[in-house]
Amino acid sequence: MESLLYISAIIAAIAFAILVIYLVITLKSVNRTLFHVANTMEGLEKQMNGITKETEELLHRTNQLADDIQDKSEALNTVFTSVKELGSSFQQVNQSIRNVSTVVSTTTENQSDNIAQAVKWGNVAIDLYNKFKQKRKSDQEPTT
């Protein structure tokens, strides 16, 4: 019975030794994995530093661009104000032309009877002149 106790103790010791061996293998594997994770994290840290620097530069350039756009926008405001004033001037000129056109049209309508009569008198004068020329021509022709 004592031998059974020794045999159980040996089996327990062998089992413990096997457990320790597998535990060592697992810990070595975990150690390699953690080493790779540490290397990966170090690489990520370097990349993040690079990304951070590039982001800062991009932000700086974006701020410069925004300032430039702001300056140009303010400069364009004066141009738009000038264009607006020019549009107002054109509108005033157009209104003046409309007024002149209306006055001319009204005056023409009011004087259309006078113009028609003047044209009639002009036609009568031309007919009289033509008749006078014909009479003179016929008076100057020798009679044979």
Protein backbone atom coordinates (compact mmCIF):
# COMPACT_ATOMS: atom_id res chain seq x y z
CA MET A 1 0.00 0.00 0.00
CA GLU A 2 2.90 2.17 0.63
CA SER A 3 4.10 1.49 -2.85
CA LEU A 4 0.77 2.64 -4.17
CA LEU A 5 1.30 5.87 -2.31
CA TYR A 6 4.76 6.27 -3.88
CA ILE A 7 3.41 5.41 -7.31
CA SER A 8 0.62 8.06 -6.88
CA ALA A 9 3.21 10.58 -5.72
CA ILE A 10 5.39 9.81 -8.78
CA ILE A 11 2.36 10.08 -11.10
CA ALA A 12 1.41 13.37 -9.46
CA ALA A 13 5.02 14.61 -9.81
CA ILE A 14 5.12 13.54 -13.50
CA ALA A 15 1.75 15.21 -14.11
CA PHE A 16 3.01 18.32 -12.37
CA ALA A 17 6.21 18.23 -14.46
CA ILE A 18 4.15 17.87 -17.68
CA LEU A 19 1.91 20.71 -16.53
CA VAL A 20 4.96 22.88 -15.84
CA ILE A 21 6.45 22.01 -19.27
CA TYR A 22 3.22 23.00 -21.04
CA LEU A 23 2.97 26.07 -18.87
CA VAL A 24 6.55 27.05 -19.85
CA ILE A 25 5.75 26.46 -23.55
CA THR A 26 2.59 28.56 -23.21
CA LEU A 27 4.43 31.33 -21.35
CA LYS A 28 7.18 31.35 -24.02
CA SER A 29 4.49 31.63 -26.71
CA VAL A 30 2.80 34.41 -24.75
CA ASN A 31 6.21 36.09 -24.34
CA ARG A 32 6.81 35.96 -28.15
CA THR A 33 3.31 37.26 -28.78
CA LEU A 34 3.79 40.10 -26.31
CA PHE A 35 7.16 40.89 -27.92
CA HIS A 36 5.45 41.12 -31.34
CA VAL A 37 2.67 43.20 -29.82
CA ALA A 38 5.28 45.51 -28.27
CA ASN A 39 7.06 45.85 -31.63
CA THR A 40 3.74 46.50 -33.36
CA MET A 41 2.79 49.10 -30.76
CA GLU A 42 6.19 50.75 -31.19
CA GLY A 43 5.65 50.88 -34.94
CA LEU A 44 2.15 52.28 -34.40
CA GLU A 45 3.55 54.90 -32.07
CA LYS A 46 6.06 55.98 -34.74
CA GLN A 47 3.31 56.06 -37.35
CA MET A 48 1.04 58.01 -35.02
CA ASN A 49 3.84 60.54 -34.44
CA GLY A 50 4.23 60.89 -38.20
CA ILE A 51 0.48 61.20 -38.68
CA THR A 52 0.30 63.75 -35.88
CA LYS A 53 3.04 65.87 -37.49
CA GLU A 54 1.37 65.65 -40.90
CA THR A 55 -1.99 66.51 -39.35
CA GLU A 56 -0.48 69.55 -37.65
CA GLU A 57 1.07 70.67 -40.94
CA LEU A 58 -2.23 70.09 -42.74
CA LEU A 59 -4.08 72.04 -40.07
CA HIS A 60 -1.56 74.87 -40.35
CA ARG A 61 -1.92 74.96 -44.15
CA THR A 62 -5.71 74.82 -43.83
CA ASN A 63 -5.62 77.79 -41.46
CA GLN A 64 -3.42 79.70 -43.91
CA LEU A 65 -5.79 78.83 -46.73
CA ALA A 66 -8.79 79.92 -44.67
CA ASP A 67 -7.05 83.24 -43.90
CA ASP A 68 -6.23 83.69 -47.60
CA ILE A 69 -9.82 82.93 -48.58
CA GLN A 70 -11.04 85.40 -45.95
CA ASP A 71 -8.74 88.12 -47.31
CA LYS A 72 -9.82 87.46 -50.89
CA SER A 73 -13.46 87.36 -49.86
CA GLU A 74 -13.12 90.76 -48.22
CA ALA A 75 -11.42 92.07 -51.37
CA LEU A 76 -14.25 90.67 -53.49
CA ASN A 77 -16.83 92.43 -51.32
CA THR A 78 -15.62 95.77 -52.68
CA VAL A 79 -15.89 94.40 -56.22
CA PHE A 80 -19.45 93.24 -55.60
CA THR A 81 -20.30 96.63 -54.10
CA SER A 82 -18.91 98.32 -57.21
CA VAL A 83 -20.86 95.97 -59.47
CA LYS A 84 -24.01 96.70 -57.48
CA GLU A 85 -23.45 100.44 -57.85
CA LEU A 86 -22.77 99.96 -61.57
CA GLY A 87 -26.04 98.04 -61.85
CA SER A 88 -27.86 100.89 -60.13
CA SER A 89 -26.27 103.34 -62.57
CA PHE A 90 -27.36 101.23 -65.54
CA GLN A 91 -30.85 101.07 -64.09
CA GLN A 92 -30.94 104.87 -63.83
CA VAL A 93 -29.69 105.21 -67.43
CA ASN A 94 -32.34 102.75 -68.61
CA GLN A 95 -35.00 104.71 -66.74
CA SER A 96 -33.78 107.93 -68.35
CA ILE A 97 -33.88 106.32 -71.80
CA ARG A 98 -37.41 105.08 -71.13
CA ASN A 99 -38.46 108.57 -70.07
CA VAL A 100 -36.92 110.14 -73.20
CA SER A 101 -38.52 107.46 -75.36
CA THR A 102 -41.89 108.10 -73.74
CA VAL A 103 -41.54 111.85 -74.27
CA VAL A 104 -40.52 111.37 -77.91
CA SER A 105 -43.36 108.92 -78.49
CA THR A 106 -45.89 111.24 -76.88
CA THR A 107 -44.58 114.24 -78.80
CA THR A 108 -44.63 112.28 -82.05
CA GLU A 109 -48.19 111.19 -81.45
CA ASN A 110 -49.22 114.74 -80.63
CA GLN A 111 -47.53 116.12 -83.72
CA SER A 112 -48.44 113.29 -86.10
CA ASP A 113 -51.31 115.35 -87.57
CA ASN A 114 -48.93 118.25 -88.20
CA ILE A 115 -46.40 115.90 -89.78
CA ALA A 116 -49.08 114.32 -92.00
CA GLN A 117 -50.20 117.77 -93.13
CA ALA A 118 -46.61 118.83 -93.78
CA VAL A 119 -46.11 115.70 -95.90
CA LYS A 120 -49.28 116.49 -97.86
CA TRP A 121 -48.13 120.09 -98.44
CA GLY A 122 -44.73 118.76 -99.44
CA ASN A 123 -46.37 116.46 -102.01
CA VAL A 124 -48.48 119.32 -103.29
CA ALA A 125 -45.37 121.50 -103.60
CA ILE A 126 -43.52 118.76 -105.49
CA ASP A 127 -46.51 118.30 -107.86
CA LEU A 128 -46.65 122.06 -108.48
CA TYR A 129 -42.91 122.18 -109.15
CA ASN A 130 -43.20 119.26 -111.60
CA LYS A 131 -46.10 120.95 -113.40
CA PHE A 132 -44.15 124.20 -113.48
CA LYS A 133 -41.15 122.40 -115.02
CA GLN A 134 -43.35 120.74 -117.63
CA LYS A 135 -45.02 124.00 -118.54
CA ARG A 136 -41.71 125.74 -118.85
CA LYS A 137 -40.35 122.94 -120.94
CA SER A 138 -43.34 123.04 -123.22
CA ASP A 139 -43.06 126.87 -123.49
CA GLN A 140 -39.42 126.63 -124.51
CA GLU A 141 -39.98 124.06 -127.24
CA PRO A 142 -40.09 125.63 -130.70
CA THR A 143 -43.38 125.27 -132.49
CA THR A 144 -43.05 124.02 -135.95
